[in-house]
């Protein structure tokens, strides 16, 4: 069974019924991941699997600490045969270390889960931060504004996302640059 064939049903079982909007977001992030296939090569399926699983830590069946990247990665680590790279991407998606710091959980996240390759971390961050909570495509700026408005600027998430904004924009810029380079250009004959 391939990574995505395993990941989609697992994510759906954890999110679709208790958190349908989170499930729609996860599907949208996975769709966005598929659109990055031209720059991902052999890692395209890996990123799509991580994308559809990235928010499983919100599931009532998975949440323990209330910090979804850590909870999701710990859950995946307990599953048999899960690709370690998927686990690392879930653990560290979308500047998770900065949010972990706000929550007093940075040491746990850093000590339990190594970082994945920077280009893949950027790609998952791009997919997450260009997808609305309802699963549609958006801009990074609009997504960051939506998060701050939804949570409030003085909450843990609001503070974290404002601190992370420069890195989120930089990662998106790097991914967009890679996409632009991968696009075929019209060559005169």
Protein backbone atom coordinates (compact mmCIF):
# COMPACT_ATOMS: atom_id res chain seq x y z
CA UNK A 1 0.00 0.00 0.00
CA UNK A 2 1.33 3.43 -0.94
CA UNK A 3 1.71 6.32 1.46
CA UNK A 4 -1.32 8.22 0.23
CA UNK A 5 -3.51 5.13 0.06
CA UNK A 6 -2.82 4.68 3.76
CA UNK A 7 -2.81 8.35 4.80
CA UNK A 8 -6.15 9.52 3.40
CA UNK A 9 -8.35 6.92 5.16
CA UNK A 10 -6.47 7.41 8.44
CA UNK A 11 -6.89 11.18 8.32
CA UNK A 12 -10.52 10.87 7.30
CA UNK A 13 -11.25 8.47 10.17
CA UNK A 14 -9.79 10.94 12.66
CA UNK A 15 -11.09 14.25 11.27
CA UNK A 16 -14.11 13.91 8.96
CA UNK A 17 -16.83 13.31 11.55
CA UNK A 18 -15.63 15.22 14.63
CA UNK A 19 -13.95 18.08 12.72
CA UNK A 20 -15.38 18.31 9.18
CA UNK A 21 -13.91 21.76 8.51
CA UNK A 22 -10.45 20.56 9.57
CA UNK A 23 -10.91 17.58 7.24
CA UNK A 24 -11.76 19.92 4.34
CA UNK A 25 -8.67 21.98 5.13
CA UNK A 26 -6.52 18.83 5.16
CA UNK A 27 -7.92 17.77 1.78
CA UNK A 28 -7.16 21.23 0.40
CA UNK A 29 -3.61 21.13 1.74
CA UNK A 30 -3.12 17.69 0.12
CA UNK A 31 -4.49 19.01 -3.18
CA UNK A 32 -2.03 21.89 -2.97
CA UNK A 33 0.75 19.36 -2.28
CA UNK A 34 -0.14 17.49 -5.47
CA UNK A 35 0.29 20.74 -7.39
CA UNK A 36 3.93 20.84 -6.23
CA UNK A 37 4.78 17.51 -7.87
CA UNK A 38 6.95 19.21 -10.54
CA UNK A 39 9.42 20.36 -7.86
CA UNK A 40 9.17 17.36 -5.54
CA UNK A 41 10.22 14.47 -7.76
CA UNK A 42 10.28 11.21 -5.81
CA UNK A 43 9.06 13.00 -2.67
CA UNK A 44 5.68 14.03 -4.14
CA UNK A 45 3.74 11.20 -2.50
CA UNK A 46 5.56 11.71 0.79
CA UNK A 47 4.55 15.37 0.90
CA UNK A 48 0.94 14.62 -0.06
CA UNK A 49 0.69 12.02 2.73
CA UNK A 50 2.12 14.48 5.26
CA UNK A 51 -0.23 17.17 3.97
CA UNK A 52 -3.38 15.15 4.47
CA UNK A 53 -2.16 14.04 7.92
CA UNK A 54 -0.69 17.35 9.15
CA UNK A 55 -3.68 18.29 11.35
CA UNK A 56 -4.68 14.90 12.80
CA UNK A 57 -3.39 16.10 16.17
CA UNK A 58 -6.60 18.15 16.48
CA UNK A 59 -8.68 14.96 16.54
CA UNK A 60 -10.33 14.24 19.91
CA UNK A 61 -8.96 10.69 19.53
CA UNK A 62 -5.39 11.98 19.20
CA UNK A 63 -5.15 15.25 21.17
CA UNK A 64 -3.25 14.94 24.44
CA UNK A 65 -1.18 18.10 24.96
CA UNK A 66 -3.40 20.40 22.91
CA UNK A 67 -0.48 21.12 20.56
CA UNK A 68 -1.53 19.39 17.37
CA UNK A 69 1.87 18.95 15.61
CA UNK A 70 3.28 17.13 18.64
CA UNK A 71 0.12 15.12 19.31
CA UNK A 72 -0.21 14.12 15.66
CA UNK A 73 3.43 13.07 15.34
CA UNK A 74 3.31 11.06 18.57
CA UNK A 75 0.18 9.29 17.33
CA UNK A 76 1.80 8.48 13.98
CA UNK A 77 4.95 7.21 15.68
CA UNK A 78 2.83 4.58 17.45
CA UNK A 79 1.35 3.31 14.17
CA UNK A 80 3.08 0.35 12.56
CA UNK A 81 5.27 1.01 9.55
CA UNK A 82 4.79 4.77 9.27
CA UNK A 83 7.47 6.52 7.22
CA UNK A 84 9.65 8.48 9.66
CA UNK A 85 9.82 11.38 7.22
CA UNK A 86 6.03 11.79 7.28
CA UNK A 87 6.15 11.84 11.07
CA UNK A 88 8.88 14.51 11.06
CA UNK A 89 6.95 16.67 8.59
CA UNK A 90 3.79 16.46 10.70
CA UNK A 91 5.77 17.26 13.85
CA UNK A 92 7.42 20.33 12.39
CA UNK A 93 4.83 21.67 9.98
CA UNK A 94 4.31 25.41 9.61
CA UNK A 95 6.95 26.71 12.03
CA UNK A 96 5.81 24.38 14.80
CA UNK A 97 8.96 25.03 16.85
CA UNK A 98 7.92 28.65 17.35
CA UNK A 99 4.45 27.67 18.51
CA UNK A 100 5.93 24.95 20.72
CA UNK A 101 8.07 27.64 22.33
CA UNK A 102 4.96 29.73 23.07
CA UNK A 103 3.40 26.65 24.68
CA UNK A 104 6.46 25.62 26.69
CA UNK A 105 6.81 22.44 24.57
CA UNK A 106 9.80 23.28 22.40
CA UNK A 107 12.15 20.91 24.22
CA UNK A 108 9.74 17.98 23.78
CA UNK A 109 9.25 18.67 20.08
CA UNK A 110 12.95 19.20 19.37
CA UNK A 111 14.13 16.22 21.39
CA UNK A 112 11.53 13.77 20.07
CA UNK A 113 11.44 14.67 16.38
CA UNK A 114 14.28 15.65 14.07
CA UNK A 115 13.67 18.20 11.35
CA UNK A 116 13.03 16.99 7.83
CA UNK A 117 14.81 18.38 4.77
CA UNK A 118 14.28 22.15 4.53
CA UNK A 119 12.82 22.05 1.01
CA UNK A 120 10.11 19.62 2.15
CA UNK A 121 9.42 21.64 5.31
CA UNK A 122 9.02 24.72 3.10
CA UNK A 123 6.72 22.84 0.73
CA UNK A 124 4.37 21.66 3.49
CA UNK A 125 4.35 25.11 5.08
CA UNK A 126 3.48 26.62 1.67
CA UNK A 127 0.61 24.16 1.19
CA UNK A 128 -0.80 24.80 4.67
CA UNK A 129 -0.42 28.57 4.51
CA UNK A 130 -2.02 28.89 1.07
CA UNK A 131 -5.13 26.87 1.99
CA UNK A 132 -8.13 28.27 3.85
CA UNK A 133 -9.82 26.45 6.74
CA UNK A 134 -12.45 25.35 4.20
CA UNK A 135 -9.85 23.87 1.84
CA UNK A 136 -9.74 26.50 -0.88
CA UNK A 137 -6.62 28.18 -2.20
CA UNK A 138 -5.63 31.57 -0.78
CA UNK A 139 -2.60 33.82 -0.42
CA UNK A 140 -0.15 33.63 2.46
CA UNK A 141 -1.06 37.16 3.58
CA UNK A 142 -4.79 36.39 3.61
CA UNK A 143 -4.20 33.12 5.48
CA UNK A 144 -2.05 34.79 8.14
CA UNK A 145 -4.66 37.53 8.59
CA UNK A 146 -7.40 34.89 8.89
CA UNK A 147 -5.48 33.02 11.60
CA UNK A 148 -4.82 36.17 13.65
CA UNK A 149 -8.46 37.24 13.32
CA UNK A 150 -9.80 33.79 14.21
CA UNK A 151 -7.63 33.31 17.30
CA UNK A 152 -6.94 36.90 18.30
CA UNK A 153 -3.58 38.69 18.24
CA UNK A 154 -2.85 38.17 21.94
CA UNK A 155 -3.51 34.41 22.09
CA UNK A 156 -0.80 31.75 21.88
CA UNK A 157 -1.63 31.07 18.24
CA UNK A 158 -1.96 34.76 17.42
CA UNK A 159 1.42 35.60 18.96
CA UNK A 160 3.09 32.62 17.34
CA UNK A 161 1.75 33.27 13.85
CA UNK A 162 2.80 36.92 14.00
CA UNK A 163 6.33 35.86 15.05
CA UNK A 164 6.41 33.21 12.33
CA UNK A 165 5.08 35.46 9.55
CA UNK A 166 8.50 36.49 8.17
CA UNK A 167 9.62 32.85 7.89
CA UNK A 168 6.26 31.80 6.43
CA UNK A 169 6.55 34.47 3.74
CA UNK A 170 10.19 33.51 3.08
CA UNK A 171 9.33 29.81 2.74
CA UNK A 172 6.45 30.60 0.38
CA UNK A 173 8.77 32.77 -1.69
CA UNK A 174 11.31 29.92 -1.91
CA UNK A 175 8.64 27.45 -3.05
CA UNK A 176 7.21 29.90 -5.58
CA UNK A 177 10.73 30.45 -6.93
CA UNK A 178 11.25 26.72 -7.35
CA UNK A 179 7.90 26.42 -9.11
CA UNK A 180 8.77 29.27 -11.47
CA UNK A 181 12.07 27.59 -12.35
CA UNK A 182 10.31 24.28 -12.99
CA UNK A 183 7.80 25.75 -15.42
CA UNK A 184 8.70 25.25 -19.05
CA UNK A 185 9.48 28.48 -20.82
CA UNK A 186 8.50 29.22 -24.36
CA UNK A 187 11.57 28.73 -26.47
CA UNK A 188 11.71 30.32 -29.94
CA UNK A 189 12.34 27.83 -32.69
